[in-house]
N, C-alpha and C. Protein backbone atom coordinates (compact mmCIF):
# COMPACT_ATOMS: atom_id res chain seq x y z
N UNK A 1 0.65 -1.28 0.07
CA UNK A 1 0.25 0.14 0.26
C UNK A 1 0.97 1.06 0.31
N UNK A 2 0.14 2.70 -0.82
CA UNK A 2 1.35 3.31 -0.88
C UNK A 2 0.31 4.13 -0.54
N UNK A 3 0.60 5.68 -0.22
CA UNK A 3 -0.21 6.74 0.13
C UNK A 3 0.34 7.89 0.29
N UNK A 4 -0.29 9.54 -0.05
CA UNK A 4 0.07 10.63 -0.04
C UNK A 4 -0.81 11.26 0.68
N UNK A 5 -0.46 12.29 0.93
CA UNK A 5 -1.14 13.74 1.84
C UNK A 5 -1.08 14.78 0.51
N UNK A 6 -2.00 15.57 0.90
CA UNK A 6 -2.62 16.48 -0.35
C UNK A 6 -3.25 18.14 0.94
N UNK A 7 -2.36 18.78 0.92
CA UNK A 7 -3.02 19.81 1.43
C UNK A 7 -3.51 20.75 0.93
N UNK A 8 -4.44 21.58 1.47
CA UNK A 8 -5.49 22.41 0.57
C UNK A 8 -4.98 23.96 0.79
N UNK A 9 -4.85 24.74 -0.10
CA UNK A 9 -4.63 25.93 0.38
C UNK A 9 -5.74 26.92 -0.20
N UNK A 10 -5.78 28.48 0.22
CA UNK A 10 -6.54 29.41 -0.33
C UNK A 10 -5.88 30.37 -1.50
N UNK A 11 -6.40 30.56 -1.94
CA UNK A 11 -6.08 31.72 -3.17
C UNK A 11 -4.47 32.71 -2.96
N UNK A 12 -5.01 32.93 -1.43
CA UNK A 12 -3.39 33.57 -1.33
C UNK A 12 -2.33 32.28 -0.67
N UNK A 13 -2.60 31.40 -0.37
CA UNK A 13 -1.40 30.62 0.20
C UNK A 13 -1.12 29.71 1.17
N UNK A 14 -2.88 30.21 1.98
CA UNK A 14 -2.51 29.82 3.10
C UNK A 14 -2.94 28.72 3.51
N UNK A 15 -2.77 28.01 4.45
CA UNK A 15 -3.31 26.49 4.20
C UNK A 15 -4.49 26.46 5.24
N UNK A 16 -5.56 25.82 4.58
CA UNK A 16 -6.92 25.98 4.84
C UNK A 16 -6.82 24.95 6.51
N UNK A 17 -7.79 25.83 7.33
CA UNK A 17 -7.98 24.83 8.58
C UNK A 17 -8.59 23.50 8.41
N UNK A 18 -9.68 23.49 7.01
CA UNK A 18 -10.61 21.92 7.12
C UNK A 18 -10.94 22.10 5.71
N UNK A 19 -11.04 21.19 4.90
CA UNK A 19 -11.61 20.85 3.45
C UNK A 19 -13.19 21.45 3.54
N UNK A 20 -13.59 21.72 4.06
CA UNK A 20 -14.75 21.92 4.18
C UNK A 20 -15.81 21.42 3.27
N UNK A 21 -16.36 21.96 2.51
CA UNK A 21 -17.09 21.38 1.38
C UNK A 21 -16.42 21.41 0.17
N UNK A 22 -15.02 21.00 0.12
CA UNK A 22 -14.48 20.93 -0.96
C UNK A 22 -14.51 19.51 -1.45
N UNK A 23 -14.44 18.82 -2.19
CA UNK A 23 -14.12 17.15 -2.58
C UNK A 23 -12.81 16.98 -3.59
N UNK A 24 -12.16 16.69 -2.83
CA UNK A 24 -10.84 15.86 -3.14
C UNK A 24 -10.96 14.66 -3.86
N UNK A 25 -10.49 14.25 -5.16
CA UNK A 25 -10.81 13.15 -5.28
C UNK A 25 -9.38 12.52 -6.62
N UNK A 26 -9.52 11.36 -6.48
CA UNK A 26 -8.10 10.90 -7.54
C UNK A 26 -8.62 9.67 -8.04
N UNK A 27 -7.39 9.31 -9.34
CA UNK A 27 -7.73 7.95 -9.68
C UNK A 27 -6.30 7.51 -10.34
N UNK A 28 -6.21 6.24 -10.11
CA UNK A 28 -4.77 5.60 -10.39
C UNK A 28 -5.55 4.64 -11.37
N UNK A 29 -4.79 4.34 -12.37
CA UNK A 29 -4.76 3.27 -13.82
C UNK A 29 -3.62 2.99 -14.28
N UNK A 30 -3.68 1.98 -14.39
CA UNK A 30 -2.14 1.42 -15.17
C UNK A 30 -1.88 2.26 -16.27
N UNK A 31 -0.66 2.62 -16.73
CA UNK A 31 -0.51 3.27 -17.71
C UNK A 31 -0.75 2.26 -19.35
N UNK A 32 -0.35 1.23 -18.79
CA UNK A 32 -0.50 0.47 -20.38
C UNK A 32 -1.68 -0.43 -19.65
N UNK A 33 -3.03 -0.65 -19.86
CA UNK A 33 -3.70 -1.45 -19.45
C UNK A 33 -3.51 -2.99 -19.72
N UNK A 34 -3.88 -3.56 -18.04
CA UNK A 34 -3.01 -4.86 -17.95
C UNK A 34 -3.96 -5.48 -17.18
N UNK A 35 -3.55 -6.37 -16.30
CA UNK A 35 -4.46 -7.44 -15.48
C UNK A 35 -4.56 -7.12 -14.06
N UNK A 36 -3.82 -5.64 -13.93
CA UNK A 36 -3.82 -5.34 -12.25
C UNK A 36 -5.26 -4.59 -11.64
N UNK A 37 -5.42 -4.85 -10.53
CA UNK A 37 -6.36 -3.94 -9.59
C UNK A 37 -5.96 -2.95 -8.81
N UNK A 38 -6.99 -2.24 -8.81
CA UNK A 38 -6.71 -1.15 -8.06
C UNK A 38 -7.73 -0.51 -7.35
N UNK A 39 -7.39 -0.40 -5.40
CA UNK A 39 -8.63 -0.50 -4.78
C UNK A 39 -7.49 1.52 -3.88
N UNK A 40 -8.60 2.20 -3.69
CA UNK A 40 -8.05 3.04 -2.85
C UNK A 40 -9.19 3.47 -2.03
N UNK A 41 -8.39 4.72 -1.03
CA UNK A 41 -9.44 5.13 -0.15
C UNK A 41 -8.83 7.00 0.25
N UNK A 42 -9.47 7.67 0.14
CA UNK A 42 -9.38 8.68 0.42
C UNK A 42 -10.15 9.40 1.80
N UNK A 43 -9.25 9.98 2.70
CA UNK A 43 -9.56 10.16 4.24
C UNK A 43 -9.26 11.63 4.11
N UNK A 44 -10.53 12.19 4.53
CA UNK A 44 -10.53 14.38 5.65
C UNK A 44 -9.38 13.78 6.69
N UNK A 45 -8.57 14.16 6.84
CA UNK A 45 -7.70 14.45 8.21
C UNK A 45 -7.74 15.23 9.56
N UNK A 46 -9.09 16.23 9.08
CA UNK A 46 -9.56 17.73 9.58
C UNK A 46 -8.85 18.71 9.86
N UNK A 47 -7.90 18.72 9.00
CA UNK A 47 -6.36 19.43 8.85
C UNK A 47 -6.65 20.39 7.97
N UNK A 48 -7.34 20.44 6.85
CA UNK A 48 -7.23 20.87 5.60
C UNK A 48 -6.39 20.17 4.85
N UNK A 49 -6.16 18.83 5.13
CA UNK A 49 -5.35 18.00 4.87
C UNK A 49 -6.33 16.88 3.96
N UNK A 50 -5.87 16.09 3.10
CA UNK A 50 -6.24 14.47 3.26
C UNK A 50 -5.18 13.40 2.47
N UNK A 51 -5.60 12.59 3.16
CA UNK A 51 -4.53 10.90 3.06
C UNK A 51 -5.45 10.51 2.05
N UNK A 52 -4.23 10.29 0.80
CA UNK A 52 -5.15 9.43 -0.48
C UNK A 52 -4.36 7.66 -0.22
N UNK A 53 -4.73 6.97 -0.31
CA UNK A 53 -4.22 5.67 -0.19
C UNK A 53 -4.15 4.82 -1.21
N UNK A 54 -3.72 4.12 -1.89
CA UNK A 54 -3.73 3.19 -2.81
C UNK A 54 -3.27 1.47 -2.72
N UNK A 55 -4.10 0.36 -3.14
CA UNK A 55 -2.97 -0.63 -3.58
C UNK A 55 -3.05 -1.33 -4.33
N UNK A 56 -2.44 -2.00 -5.06
CA UNK A 56 -2.37 -2.32 -6.65
C UNK A 56 -2.08 -3.66 -6.76
N UNK A 57 -2.79 -4.49 -7.46
CA UNK A 57 -2.36 -6.07 -7.49
C UNK A 57 -0.91 -6.32 -8.17
N UNK A 58 -0.34 -5.48 -9.10
CA UNK A 58 0.76 -5.88 -9.84
C UNK A 58 1.78 -4.69 -9.96
N UNK A 59 3.25 -5.06 -10.00
CA UNK A 59 4.15 -4.50 -10.21
C UNK A 59 3.91 -3.45 -11.68
N UNK A 60 3.82 -2.50 -11.47
CA UNK A 60 3.61 -1.31 -13.20
C UNK A 60 3.80 -0.14 -13.15
N UNK A 61 3.57 0.39 -14.38
CA UNK A 61 3.82 1.87 -14.17
C UNK A 61 2.08 2.33 -14.28
N UNK A 62 1.65 3.40 -13.44
CA UNK A 62 0.69 3.92 -13.44
C UNK A 62 0.38 5.11 -13.38
N UNK A 63 -0.38 5.89 -14.14
CA UNK A 63 -0.93 7.77 -13.82
C UNK A 63 -1.93 7.86 -12.90
N UNK A 64 -1.78 8.99 -11.99
CA UNK A 64 -2.10 9.18 -10.73
C UNK A 64 -2.69 11.01 -10.98
N UNK A 65 -4.30 10.64 -11.06
CA UNK A 65 -5.22 12.20 -11.46
C UNK A 65 -5.70 12.74 -9.76
N UNK A 66 -5.43 13.84 -9.84
CA UNK A 66 -6.09 13.99 -8.59
C UNK A 66 -6.92 15.45 -8.63
N UNK A 67 -7.57 15.55 -8.34
CA UNK A 67 -8.92 16.73 -8.93
C UNK A 67 -9.49 16.97 -7.14
N UNK A 68 -9.55 18.50 -7.41
CA UNK A 68 -10.07 19.60 -6.43
C UNK A 68 -11.40 19.97 -6.86
N UNK A 69 -12.61 19.60 -6.40
CA UNK A 69 -14.52 19.85 -6.80
C UNK A 69 -14.01 19.44 -8.27
N UNK A 70 -13.40 18.27 -8.86
CA UNK A 70 -13.94 18.06 -9.92
C UNK A 70 -12.85 18.15 -10.97
N UNK A 71 -11.78 19.38 -10.72
CA UNK A 71 -11.21 20.16 -11.58
C UNK A 71 -9.25 19.64 -11.34
N UNK A 72 -8.87 18.83 -12.33
CA UNK A 72 -7.31 18.48 -12.14
C UNK A 72 -6.75 19.20 -11.38
N UNK A 73 -5.96 19.20 -10.46
CA UNK A 73 -4.78 20.12 -9.91
C UNK A 73 -3.53 20.34 -10.76
N UNK A 74 -2.75 19.16 -11.73
CA UNK A 74 -2.29 19.62 -12.54
C UNK A 74 -2.57 19.16 -13.90
N UNK A 75 -1.79 20.02 -15.13
CA UNK A 75 -2.20 19.39 -16.69
C UNK A 75 -1.78 17.80 -16.92
N UNK A 76 -0.76 17.57 -15.91
CA UNK A 76 -0.04 16.34 -16.39
C UNK A 76 -0.17 15.37 -15.61
N UNK A 77 -1.05 14.36 -15.65
CA UNK A 77 -0.94 13.03 -14.59
C UNK A 77 0.45 13.12 -14.00
N UNK A 78 0.42 12.91 -12.87
CA UNK A 78 1.58 11.94 -11.88
C UNK A 78 1.81 10.87 -12.13
N UNK A 79 3.42 10.52 -12.37
CA UNK A 79 3.46 9.21 -13.04
C UNK A 79 4.21 8.25 -11.76
N UNK A 80 3.76 7.35 -11.48
CA UNK A 80 4.12 6.31 -9.83
C UNK A 80 4.35 4.86 -10.63
N UNK A 81 5.15 4.50 -10.25
CA UNK A 81 5.93 3.09 -10.43
C UNK A 81 5.37 2.13 -8.91
N UNK A 82 4.85 0.90 -9.35
CA UNK A 82 4.73 0.31 -8.49
C UNK A 82 6.23 -1.31 -8.86
N UNK A 83 6.43 -1.52 -7.80
CA UNK A 83 7.47 -2.64 -7.89
C UNK A 83 7.23 -3.64 -7.34
N UNK A 84 7.86 -4.84 -7.68
CA UNK A 84 7.77 -5.95 -6.68
C UNK A 84 8.46 -5.80 -5.23
N UNK A 85 7.80 -6.69 -4.46
CA UNK A 85 8.12 -6.64 -3.26
C UNK A 85 9.40 -7.68 -2.90
N UNK A 86 9.91 -8.32 -2.30
CA UNK A 86 10.88 -8.88 -1.56
C UNK A 86 10.42 -10.23 -1.95
N UNK A 87 10.97 -11.17 -2.23
CA UNK A 87 10.86 -12.35 -2.73
C UNK A 87 10.09 -13.06 -1.55
N UNK A 88 8.86 -13.97 -1.13
CA UNK A 88 8.46 -14.63 -0.24
C UNK A 88 8.67 -16.12 -0.73
N UNK A 89 8.85 -17.09 0.23
CA UNK A 89 9.46 -18.33 0.43
C UNK A 89 7.66 -18.76 0.10
N UNK A 90 6.63 -18.23 0.99
CA UNK A 90 5.18 -18.93 0.95
C UNK A 90 4.39 -18.75 -0.09
N UNK A 91 4.65 -17.68 -1.02
CA UNK A 91 4.31 -17.78 -2.31
C UNK A 91 4.73 -18.37 -3.49
N UNK A 92 6.08 -18.81 -3.34
CA UNK A 92 6.77 -19.71 -4.02
C UNK A 92 5.65 -20.87 -4.62
N UNK A 93 6.06 -21.25 -5.97
CA UNK A 93 5.49 -22.57 -6.26
C UNK A 93 6.76 -22.97 -7.05
N UNK A 94 6.37 -24.52 -7.29
CA UNK A 94 7.48 -25.32 -7.48
C UNK A 94 6.39 -26.44 -9.01
N UNK A 95 7.04 -26.70 -9.56
CA UNK A 95 6.36 -27.54 -10.87
C UNK A 95 7.67 -28.48 -11.55
N UNK A 96 7.43 -30.10 -11.90
CA UNK A 96 7.87 -31.12 -13.00
C UNK A 96 7.70 -32.03 -12.41
N UNK A 97 8.41 -32.78 -13.21
CA UNK A 97 8.46 -34.40 -12.93
C UNK A 97 9.82 -34.53 -11.87
N UNK A 98 10.73 -33.52 -12.00
CA UNK A 98 12.36 -33.80 -11.12
C UNK A 98 11.54 -33.40 -9.56
N UNK A 99 10.38 -33.20 -9.24
CA UNK A 99 10.30 -33.03 -7.58
C UNK A 99 9.56 -34.53 -7.54
N UNK A 100 9.46 -35.43 -8.17
CA UNK A 100 8.63 -36.37 -7.28
C UNK A 100 10.09 -37.87 -7.85
N UNK A 101 10.26 -37.67 -9.52
CA UNK A 101 11.14 -38.86 -10.19
C UNK A 101 11.89 -38.22 -10.34
N UNK A 102 13.32 -39.18 -9.89
CA UNK A 102 14.56 -39.20 -10.30
C UNK A 102 15.54 -40.21 -10.16
N UNK A 103 16.27 -40.04 -10.99
CA UNK A 103 17.31 -41.18 -11.35
C UNK A 103 18.69 -40.95 -10.91
N UNK A 104 19.42 -42.14 -10.07
CA UNK A 104 20.58 -41.66 -9.23
C UNK A 104 21.57 -41.66 -10.36
N UNK A 105 22.77 -40.20 -10.63
CA UNK A 105 23.07 -40.18 -11.39
C UNK A 105 22.29 -39.27 -13.36
N UNK A 106 21.55 -39.40 -12.54
CA UNK A 106 21.01 -38.31 -13.72
C UNK A 106 20.31 -37.16 -13.62
N UNK A 107 20.53 -36.24 -13.90
CA UNK A 107 19.64 -34.90 -13.89
C UNK A 107 18.35 -35.23 -14.15
N UNK A 108 17.60 -34.53 -13.03
CA UNK A 108 16.46 -34.38 -13.04
C UNK A 108 15.84 -32.93 -12.79
N UNK A 109 14.92 -32.55 -13.54
CA UNK A 109 14.36 -30.92 -13.25
C UNK A 109 13.14 -30.84 -13.11
N UNK A 110 13.10 -29.42 -12.47
CA UNK A 110 11.95 -29.13 -11.72
C UNK A 110 12.12 -27.44 -11.79
N UNK A 111 11.12 -27.06 -11.70
CA UNK A 111 10.52 -25.19 -12.32
C UNK A 111 10.76 -24.88 -10.74
N UNK A 112 10.60 -23.42 -10.38
CA UNK A 112 10.77 -22.56 -9.30
C UNK A 112 10.02 -21.38 -9.79
N UNK A 113 9.18 -21.31 -9.25
CA UNK A 113 8.01 -19.68 -9.49
C UNK A 113 8.52 -18.86 -8.31
N UNK A 114 9.17 -17.47 -8.24
CA UNK A 114 9.02 -17.15 -6.80
C UNK A 114 8.58 -15.78 -7.19
N UNK A 115 7.69 -15.05 -5.82
CA UNK A 115 6.54 -13.97 -6.48
C UNK A 115 6.91 -13.42 -5.06
N UNK A 116 6.51 -12.07 -4.92
CA UNK A 116 6.56 -11.42 -3.51
C UNK A 116 5.26 -11.78 -3.08
N UNK A 117 5.34 -11.60 -1.59
CA UNK A 117 3.91 -11.82 -0.83
C UNK A 117 2.80 -11.50 -1.39
N UNK A 118 2.55 -11.01 -2.78
CA UNK A 118 1.24 -10.37 -3.27
C UNK A 118 0.95 -11.75 -4.34
N UNK A 119 1.81 -12.73 -4.51
CA UNK A 119 1.89 -13.71 -5.77
C UNK A 119 2.02 -13.01 -6.77
């Protein structure tokens, strides 16, 4: 899971004490659509800021758009790169006949697929 905090300011640059009736929304989409799923939340921190959290199911490049009251805060979406986590033994998978049949003095082959904790 990744997150960021956005703080709202008025036209003079002063930090707002609360987001009030303003609506802060965001969307995260895979740059080259694939099989990744994205889930996210936006939480009002009660101090003029919001915290946006996202969880993605695959390492990939994503495009992040943040809007205030329906208008994008930048003209170009933010680029976000999600990378795979550390290898995880519990999610590793093995395959092949070499796991169950072998002859002494001969090579026996099997496959090992290693993934991070999210598969």
